[in-house]
Amino acid sequence: MNWIIVAVMISLPNDFTGSDVFAFTQFPFPNRLSCETFLKQNREMVEIISSNEWDGRDVALTLCVDNAQLANLMNGVAT
């Protein structure tokens, strides 16, 4: 199972469609520990890249998720 870094962007006040996310799918990790270690050491870089992808929006949360959680997140299903 691969693990992916996901950034959840801050939603606009009148945006009722849910949170936007940016997933680093091109850089999967083989396990949760390696993903979380990388994220801990590179959180600022992850947030800058994510913000740039969403036209400067701020990042609310960064986390590591597995493939199943990512699919649920992208489909708007709570995990």
N, C-alpha and C. Protein backbone atom coordinates (compact mmCIF):
# COMPACT_ATOMS: atom_id res chain seq x y z
N MET A 1 0.84 -1.17 0.00
CA MET A 1 0.00 0.00 0.00
C MET A 1 0.89 1.24 0.00
N ASN A 2 0.59 2.18 -0.87
CA ASN A 2 1.33 3.43 -0.94
C ASN A 2 0.69 4.49 -0.06
N TRP A 3 1.52 5.39 0.42
CA TRP A 3 1.08 6.54 1.21
C TRP A 3 1.39 7.80 0.45
N ILE A 4 0.49 8.77 0.54
CA ILE A 4 0.58 10.01 -0.23
C ILE A 4 0.46 11.18 0.73
N ILE A 5 1.21 12.26 0.46
CA ILE A 5 1.04 13.51 1.21
C ILE A 5 -0.13 14.27 0.60
N VAL A 6 -1.02 14.75 1.45
CA VAL A 6 -2.18 15.52 1.02
C VAL A 6 -2.20 16.84 1.79
N ALA A 7 -2.47 17.91 1.08
CA ALA A 7 -2.66 19.22 1.71
C ALA A 7 -4.13 19.61 1.54
N VAL A 8 -4.77 19.93 2.65
CA VAL A 8 -6.15 20.39 2.63
C VAL A 8 -6.10 21.91 2.68
N MET A 9 -6.72 22.53 1.70
CA MET A 9 -6.67 23.98 1.59
C MET A 9 -7.80 24.62 2.40
N ILE A 10 -7.54 25.83 2.89
CA ILE A 10 -8.56 26.57 3.60
C ILE A 10 -9.67 26.92 2.62
N SER A 11 -10.90 26.61 3.00
CA SER A 11 -12.05 26.88 2.14
C SER A 11 -12.46 28.34 2.28
N LEU A 12 -12.99 28.86 1.21
CA LEU A 12 -13.51 30.22 1.23
C LEU A 12 -14.79 30.24 2.05
N PRO A 13 -15.10 31.35 2.72
CA PRO A 13 -16.26 31.39 3.62
C PRO A 13 -17.59 31.01 2.98
N ASN A 14 -17.80 31.35 1.74
CA ASN A 14 -19.08 31.03 1.09
C ASN A 14 -18.97 29.88 0.11
N ASP A 15 -17.96 29.04 0.30
CA ASP A 15 -17.78 27.86 -0.55
C ASP A 15 -18.33 26.64 0.20
N PHE A 16 -19.48 26.16 -0.22
CA PHE A 16 -20.15 25.06 0.47
C PHE A 16 -19.89 23.71 -0.19
N THR A 17 -18.92 23.65 -1.08
CA THR A 17 -18.65 22.40 -1.80
C THR A 17 -17.66 21.52 -1.05
N GLY A 18 -17.15 21.96 0.08
CA GLY A 18 -16.18 21.17 0.82
C GLY A 18 -14.78 21.71 0.62
N SER A 19 -13.82 21.04 1.18
CA SER A 19 -12.43 21.49 1.11
C SER A 19 -11.78 21.03 -0.18
N ASP A 20 -10.89 21.87 -0.67
CA ASP A 20 -10.08 21.49 -1.81
C ASP A 20 -8.80 20.85 -1.28
N VAL A 21 -8.28 19.90 -2.02
CA VAL A 21 -7.07 19.21 -1.60
C VAL A 21 -6.06 19.17 -2.73
N PHE A 22 -4.80 19.08 -2.35
CA PHE A 22 -3.73 18.85 -3.31
C PHE A 22 -2.99 17.61 -2.86
N ALA A 23 -2.95 16.61 -3.69
CA ALA A 23 -2.31 15.33 -3.35
C ALA A 23 -1.03 15.17 -4.16
N PHE A 24 0.04 14.82 -3.48
CA PHE A 24 1.34 14.59 -4.12
C PHE A 24 1.40 13.15 -4.61
N THR A 25 0.62 12.83 -5.61
CA THR A 25 0.49 11.45 -6.08
C THR A 25 1.71 10.95 -6.85
N GLN A 26 2.53 11.85 -7.36
CA GLN A 26 3.71 11.43 -8.11
C GLN A 26 4.84 10.95 -7.21
N PHE A 27 4.69 11.16 -5.90
CA PHE A 27 5.74 10.81 -4.96
C PHE A 27 5.18 9.93 -3.83
N PRO A 28 4.74 8.72 -4.15
CA PRO A 28 4.19 7.85 -3.10
C PRO A 28 5.30 7.31 -2.19
N PHE A 29 4.91 7.02 -0.97
CA PHE A 29 5.83 6.45 0.02
C PHE A 29 5.42 5.01 0.28
N PRO A 30 6.35 4.14 0.61
CA PRO A 30 6.03 2.72 0.81
C PRO A 30 5.31 2.43 2.12
N ASN A 31 5.40 3.37 3.09
CA ASN A 31 4.75 3.15 4.37
C ASN A 31 4.45 4.48 5.06
N ARG A 32 3.64 4.41 6.08
CA ARG A 32 3.21 5.62 6.79
C ARG A 32 4.38 6.35 7.44
N LEU A 33 5.28 5.59 8.06
CA LEU A 33 6.40 6.21 8.77
C LEU A 33 7.28 7.04 7.84
N SER A 34 7.60 6.51 6.67
CA SER A 34 8.45 7.27 5.75
C SER A 34 7.73 8.52 5.24
N CYS A 35 6.45 8.43 5.03
CA CYS A 35 5.66 9.58 4.60
C CYS A 35 5.65 10.66 5.68
N GLU A 36 5.35 10.26 6.91
CA GLU A 36 5.28 11.22 8.00
C GLU A 36 6.63 11.83 8.33
N THR A 37 7.70 11.05 8.20
CA THR A 37 9.05 11.57 8.43
C THR A 37 9.39 12.63 7.39
N PHE A 38 9.12 12.33 6.12
CA PHE A 38 9.37 13.30 5.06
C PHE A 38 8.55 14.56 5.28
N LEU A 39 7.28 14.40 5.61
CA LEU A 39 6.41 15.55 5.81
C LEU A 39 6.89 16.40 6.98
N LYS A 40 7.30 15.78 8.05
CA LYS A 40 7.80 16.52 9.22
C LYS A 40 9.02 17.35 8.85
N GLN A 41 9.90 16.81 8.03
CA GLN A 41 11.13 17.49 7.65
C GLN A 41 10.93 18.51 6.54
N ASN A 42 9.82 18.40 5.80
CA ASN A 42 9.63 19.25 4.61
C ASN A 42 8.26 19.92 4.56
N ARG A 43 7.63 20.11 5.70
CA ARG A 43 6.27 20.66 5.75
C ARG A 43 6.16 22.02 5.04
N GLU A 44 7.14 22.89 5.28
CA GLU A 44 7.08 24.22 4.67
C GLU A 44 7.09 24.12 3.15
N MET A 45 7.97 23.28 2.59
CA MET A 45 8.03 23.11 1.15
C MET A 45 6.70 22.55 0.62
N VAL A 46 6.13 21.57 1.31
CA VAL A 46 4.85 20.98 0.90
C VAL A 46 3.77 22.05 0.89
N GLU A 47 3.73 22.89 1.90
CA GLU A 47 2.71 23.94 1.98
C GLU A 47 2.90 24.99 0.90
N ILE A 48 4.13 25.34 0.58
CA ILE A 48 4.39 26.32 -0.48
C ILE A 48 3.95 25.78 -1.83
N ILE A 49 4.31 24.54 -2.13
CA ILE A 49 3.91 23.94 -3.40
C ILE A 49 2.39 23.85 -3.50
N SER A 50 1.75 23.42 -2.43
CA SER A 50 0.29 23.29 -2.42
C SER A 50 -0.39 24.64 -2.61
N SER A 51 0.10 25.63 -1.90
CA SER A 51 -0.47 26.98 -2.02
C SER A 51 -0.32 27.51 -3.44
N ASN A 52 0.84 27.29 -4.04
CA ASN A 52 1.06 27.74 -5.42
C ASN A 52 0.11 27.06 -6.39
N GLU A 53 -0.20 25.79 -6.15
CA GLU A 53 -1.12 25.06 -7.02
C GLU A 53 -2.56 25.58 -6.90
N TRP A 54 -2.89 26.20 -5.76
CA TRP A 54 -4.24 26.73 -5.53
C TRP A 54 -4.23 28.26 -5.50
N ASP A 55 -3.44 28.88 -6.38
CA ASP A 55 -3.41 30.33 -6.55
C ASP A 55 -3.20 31.10 -5.26
N GLY A 56 -2.31 30.60 -4.41
CA GLY A 56 -1.94 31.31 -3.21
C GLY A 56 -2.81 31.07 -1.99
N ARG A 57 -3.78 30.17 -2.10
CA ARG A 57 -4.62 29.87 -0.93
C ARG A 57 -3.79 29.23 0.17
N ASP A 58 -4.19 29.48 1.41
CA ASP A 58 -3.47 28.93 2.55
C ASP A 58 -3.82 27.46 2.76
N VAL A 59 -2.88 26.76 3.37
CA VAL A 59 -3.05 25.34 3.68
C VAL A 59 -3.61 25.22 5.10
N ALA A 60 -4.68 24.47 5.26
CA ALA A 60 -5.26 24.25 6.58
C ALA A 60 -4.60 23.09 7.29
N LEU A 61 -4.22 22.06 6.52
CA LEU A 61 -3.74 20.83 7.13
C LEU A 61 -2.94 20.04 6.10
N THR A 62 -1.85 19.42 6.55
CA THR A 62 -1.11 18.48 5.71
C THR A 62 -1.07 17.16 6.46
N LEU A 63 -1.23 16.07 5.71
CA LEU A 63 -1.23 14.75 6.33
C LEU A 63 -0.86 13.69 5.33
N CYS A 64 -0.56 12.51 5.85
CA CYS A 64 -0.27 11.35 5.01
C CYS A 64 -1.50 10.44 5.01
N VAL A 65 -1.88 10.00 3.84
CA VAL A 65 -3.02 9.09 3.71
C VAL A 65 -2.63 7.93 2.81
N ASP A 66 -3.30 6.79 3.00
CA ASP A 66 -3.04 5.66 2.11
C ASP A 66 -3.94 5.77 0.88
N ASN A 67 -3.75 4.88 -0.07
CA ASN A 67 -4.49 4.95 -1.34
C ASN A 67 -6.00 4.95 -1.13
N ALA A 68 -6.49 4.11 -0.23
CA ALA A 68 -7.93 4.03 0.02
C ALA A 68 -8.46 5.32 0.62
N GLN A 69 -7.73 5.88 1.56
CA GLN A 69 -8.15 7.14 2.17
C GLN A 69 -8.15 8.27 1.15
N LEU A 70 -7.16 8.26 0.27
CA LEU A 70 -7.09 9.29 -0.78
C LEU A 70 -8.30 9.18 -1.70
N ALA A 71 -8.65 7.98 -2.11
CA ALA A 71 -9.83 7.79 -2.97
C ALA A 71 -11.09 8.31 -2.27
N ASN A 72 -11.25 8.00 -1.00
CA ASN A 72 -12.41 8.47 -0.25
C ASN A 72 -12.42 9.98 -0.13
N LEU A 73 -11.24 10.56 0.13
CA LEU A 73 -11.12 12.01 0.26
C LEU A 73 -11.49 12.70 -1.05
N MET A 74 -11.01 12.16 -2.16
CA MET A 74 -11.29 12.77 -3.46
C MET A 74 -12.76 12.62 -3.86
N ASN A 75 -13.43 11.60 -3.32
CA ASN A 75 -14.84 11.40 -3.60
C ASN A 75 -15.74 12.04 -2.55
N GLY A 76 -15.15 12.74 -1.59
CA GLY A 76 -15.93 13.43 -0.57
C GLY A 76 -16.50 12.54 0.50
N VAL A 77 -15.88 11.37 0.72
CA VAL A 77 -16.35 10.44 1.73
C VAL A 77 -15.44 10.54 2.94
N ALA A 78 -16.01 10.67 4.13
CA ALA A 78 -15.20 10.75 5.35
C ALA A 78 -14.57 9.39 5.62
N THR A 79 -13.32 9.43 6.13
CA THR A 79 -12.63 8.18 6.44
C THR A 79 -12.57 7.95 7.93
